[in-house]
Protein backbone atom coordinates (compact mmCIF):
# COMPACT_ATOMS: atom_id res chain seq x y z
CA MET A 1 0.10 0.10 -0.04
CA LEU A 2 1.25 3.50 -1.19
CA GLY A 3 -1.07 5.52 1.92
CA ARG A 4 -4.43 5.66 3.05
CA VAL A 5 -7.43 7.49 1.37
CA LEU A 6 -10.97 8.22 3.36
CA CYS A 7 -13.85 9.26 1.27
CA VAL A 8 -16.88 10.89 3.33
CA ALA A 9 -20.55 11.39 2.15
CA ALA A 10 -23.72 11.36 3.31
CA HIS A 11 -25.55 8.38 1.88
CA PRO A 12 -24.78 4.87 0.87
CA ASP A 13 -25.77 5.57 -2.72
CA ASP A 14 -23.43 8.96 -2.69
CA GLU A 15 -20.15 6.69 -3.06
CA ASN A 16 -18.05 6.42 -5.95
CA THR A 17 -17.42 3.16 -6.34
CA SER A 18 -15.01 3.31 -9.37
CA LEU A 19 -12.78 5.65 -7.68
CA VAL A 20 -12.81 3.38 -4.46
CA ALA A 21 -12.21 0.47 -6.50
CA TYR A 22 -9.35 2.19 -8.49
CA TRP A 23 -7.68 3.82 -5.51
CA ALA A 24 -8.05 0.30 -3.55
CA ASN A 25 -6.71 -1.55 -6.45
CA GLY A 26 -5.13 0.01 -9.27
CA ALA A 27 -3.59 2.72 -6.99
CA LEU A 28 -2.62 0.80 -4.14
CA TYR A 29 -4.27 2.98 -1.27
CA ASP A 30 -5.61 1.39 1.77
CA THR A 31 -9.21 3.09 0.72
CA GLY A 32 -12.35 3.67 3.10
CA TYR A 33 -15.90 4.92 2.57
CA LEU A 34 -17.60 6.56 5.18
CA ALA A 35 -21.22 7.04 4.85
CA LEU A 36 -22.86 9.62 7.36
CA THR A 37 -26.26 7.83 6.92
CA ARG A 38 -27.38 4.11 6.30
CA GLY A 39 -29.95 5.62 3.85
CA ASP A 40 -33.07 4.89 5.82
CA GLY A 41 -34.64 7.99 4.20
CA GLY A 42 -34.58 7.57 0.75
CA GLN A 43 -36.71 6.14 -1.42
CA ASN A 44 -37.14 2.39 -2.73
CA LEU A 45 -38.19 1.88 -6.15
CA ILE A 46 -37.69 -1.76 -6.26
CA GLY A 47 -39.32 -3.22 -2.99
CA PRO A 48 -41.77 -2.34 -0.44
CA GLU A 49 -39.00 -1.46 2.23
CA LEU A 50 -38.77 2.01 3.90
CA GLY A 51 -37.08 3.44 6.85
CA GLU A 52 -34.97 1.32 9.17
CA ARG A 53 -35.55 -1.58 6.58
CA LEU A 54 -34.11 0.30 3.89
CA GLY A 55 -31.49 1.23 5.66
CA VAL A 56 -30.72 -2.21 6.81
CA ILE A 57 -30.39 -3.03 2.81
CA ARG A 58 -28.11 -0.06 1.91
CA THR A 59 -26.25 -1.31 4.90
CA GLN A 60 -25.69 -4.71 3.23
CA GLU A 61 -25.14 -3.06 0.15
CA LEU A 62 -22.30 -1.65 1.02
CA LEU A 63 -20.83 -4.00 2.63
CA ALA A 64 -20.86 -6.27 -0.14
CA ALA A 65 -19.62 -3.70 -2.63
CA ARG A 66 -16.48 -3.23 -0.25
CA LYS A 67 -15.95 -6.89 -0.33
CA ILE A 68 -15.70 -6.53 -4.22
CA ASP A 69 -13.44 -3.44 -4.39
CA HIS A 70 -11.40 -4.39 -1.26
CA GLY A 71 -12.24 -0.57 0.47
CA ARG A 72 -13.13 -0.42 3.97
CA GLN A 73 -16.84 0.79 4.98
CA PHE A 74 -17.61 2.91 7.99
CA PHE A 75 -20.69 4.55 9.28
CA THR A 76 -21.84 7.10 11.92
CA ARG A 77 -25.02 7.56 14.01
CA ALA A 78 -26.65 9.94 11.80
CA ASN A 79 -30.03 9.36 10.85
CA ASP A 80 -31.15 9.99 6.98
CA PHE A 81 -34.24 11.94 7.61
CA GLY A 82 -35.30 12.70 4.10
CA PHE A 83 -34.87 15.77 2.11
CA SER A 84 -33.16 18.72 4.33
CA LYS A 85 -32.88 22.13 2.50
CA SER A 86 -29.92 23.22 4.50
CA ALA A 87 -26.91 22.06 6.36
CA ASP A 88 -28.10 24.21 9.42
CA GLU A 89 -31.37 22.15 9.47
CA THR A 90 -29.60 19.00 8.94
CA LEU A 91 -27.39 19.57 11.87
CA ARG A 92 -29.84 20.42 14.52
CA ILE A 93 -31.67 17.25 13.55
CA TRP A 94 -28.37 14.93 13.44
CA ASP A 95 -27.11 16.18 16.58
CA ARG A 96 -24.17 17.81 15.39
CA GLU A 97 -21.85 17.00 18.08
CA LYS A 98 -22.41 13.56 18.17
CA ILE A 99 -22.00 13.13 14.38
CA LEU A 100 -18.78 15.35 14.41
CA ALA A 101 -17.36 13.11 17.08
CA ASP A 102 -18.29 9.86 14.90
CA VAL A 103 -16.11 11.45 11.94
CA ALA A 104 -13.51 12.39 14.14
CA TRP A 105 -13.00 9.05 15.63
CA VAL A 106 -13.02 7.38 12.29
CA ILE A 107 -10.19 9.50 10.97
CA ARG A 108 -8.52 8.80 14.43
CA LYS A 109 -8.85 4.90 13.84
CA TYR A 110 -8.57 4.56 10.33
CA ARG A 111 -5.42 7.35 10.31
CA PRO A 112 -6.38 8.42 6.66
CA ASP A 113 -3.20 10.24 5.06
CA ILE A 114 -6.04 12.24 2.48
CA VAL A 115 -9.64 12.68 3.04
CA VAL A 116 -12.02 13.51 0.15
CA THR A 117 -15.26 14.80 0.78
CA ARG A 118 -17.53 14.20 -1.93
CA PHE A 119 -19.91 17.63 -1.68
CA PRO A 120 -19.01 21.23 -1.62
CA THR A 121 -19.22 23.09 1.86
CA GLU A 122 -22.07 25.62 0.27
CA ASP A 123 -25.94 24.79 0.57
CA SER A 124 -26.31 26.51 -3.16
CA ASP A 125 -24.62 23.58 -4.56
CA THR A 126 -26.70 20.44 -3.15
CA HIS A 127 -28.95 19.87 -0.47
CA GLY A 128 -28.60 19.51 3.55
CA HIS A 129 -27.13 16.29 4.04
CA HIS A 130 -24.43 16.63 1.33
CA THR A 131 -23.50 20.00 2.44
CA ALA A 132 -23.75 18.87 6.17
CA SER A 133 -21.32 15.67 5.11
CA ALA A 134 -18.72 17.97 3.79
CA ARG A 135 -18.82 20.97 6.55
CA LEU A 136 -18.48 18.23 9.65
CA THR A 137 -15.73 16.43 7.29
CA SER A 138 -13.55 19.65 7.38
CA GLU A 139 -14.03 20.52 10.88
CA ALA A 140 -13.50 16.51 12.06
CA VAL A 141 -10.17 16.74 10.01
CA THR A 142 -8.87 19.53 12.35
CA ILE A 143 -10.13 18.09 15.63
CA ALA A 144 -8.81 14.39 14.96
CA ALA A 145 -5.58 15.94 15.25
CA ASP A 146 -6.50 18.04 18.88
CA SER A 147 -5.92 15.78 21.74
CA GLN A 148 -8.39 17.86 23.63
CA ARG A 149 -11.23 17.45 22.00
CA PHE A 150 -13.56 14.58 22.44
CA PRO A 151 -10.83 12.95 25.09
CA GLU A 152 -13.02 10.35 25.72
CA GLN A 153 -11.60 9.02 22.55
CA ARG A 154 -8.01 8.91 23.81
CA LYS A 155 -8.19 5.53 25.37
CA PHE A 156 -9.29 3.89 22.25
CA GLY A 157 -7.32 6.32 19.47
CA HIS A 158 -4.58 8.85 19.23
CA PRO A 159 -5.16 12.18 17.67
CA TRP A 160 -4.22 12.13 13.78
CA ASN A 161 -3.66 14.83 11.31
CA PRO A 162 -4.31 13.70 7.64
CA THR A 163 -1.87 15.21 5.17
CA ARG A 164 -4.35 16.59 2.97
CA THR A 165 -8.12 17.22 2.39
CA HIS A 166 -9.90 17.49 -1.15
CA TRP A 167 -13.15 17.78 -2.49
């Protein structure tokens, strides 16, 4: 392996499977995908499952995809509550501090050299979950290097500072 990269987005269907496969296999990076939600607030056009049952299906789909593309899969506790118009609304509903702690925890434990966000940090470019995922990731990269933030994580992981962050 030449390094480690972590891709972060809001939902299971936000992943770029081709990029994960390329980094994990062609570019020889240990590659992870962090989906902040499990997709339980989305639509299902092929079956009756909605809500938590849909989240279980989408979780299993991501775990199966990682077996094929050789990436690693991570999740947070964020609830996919459906369409959100703004990141501020999303962060209020998600409990911003808990999800921020989850993202910082994944960075500290996985220790990526590079972190890539799937979406921009501006609401005008996408919807609230997507924007919130980018904002939380950007903040979590800084926090993951700070031993004073989320000190309860110290007994399980150490501060980590990725070399680069990209969108």
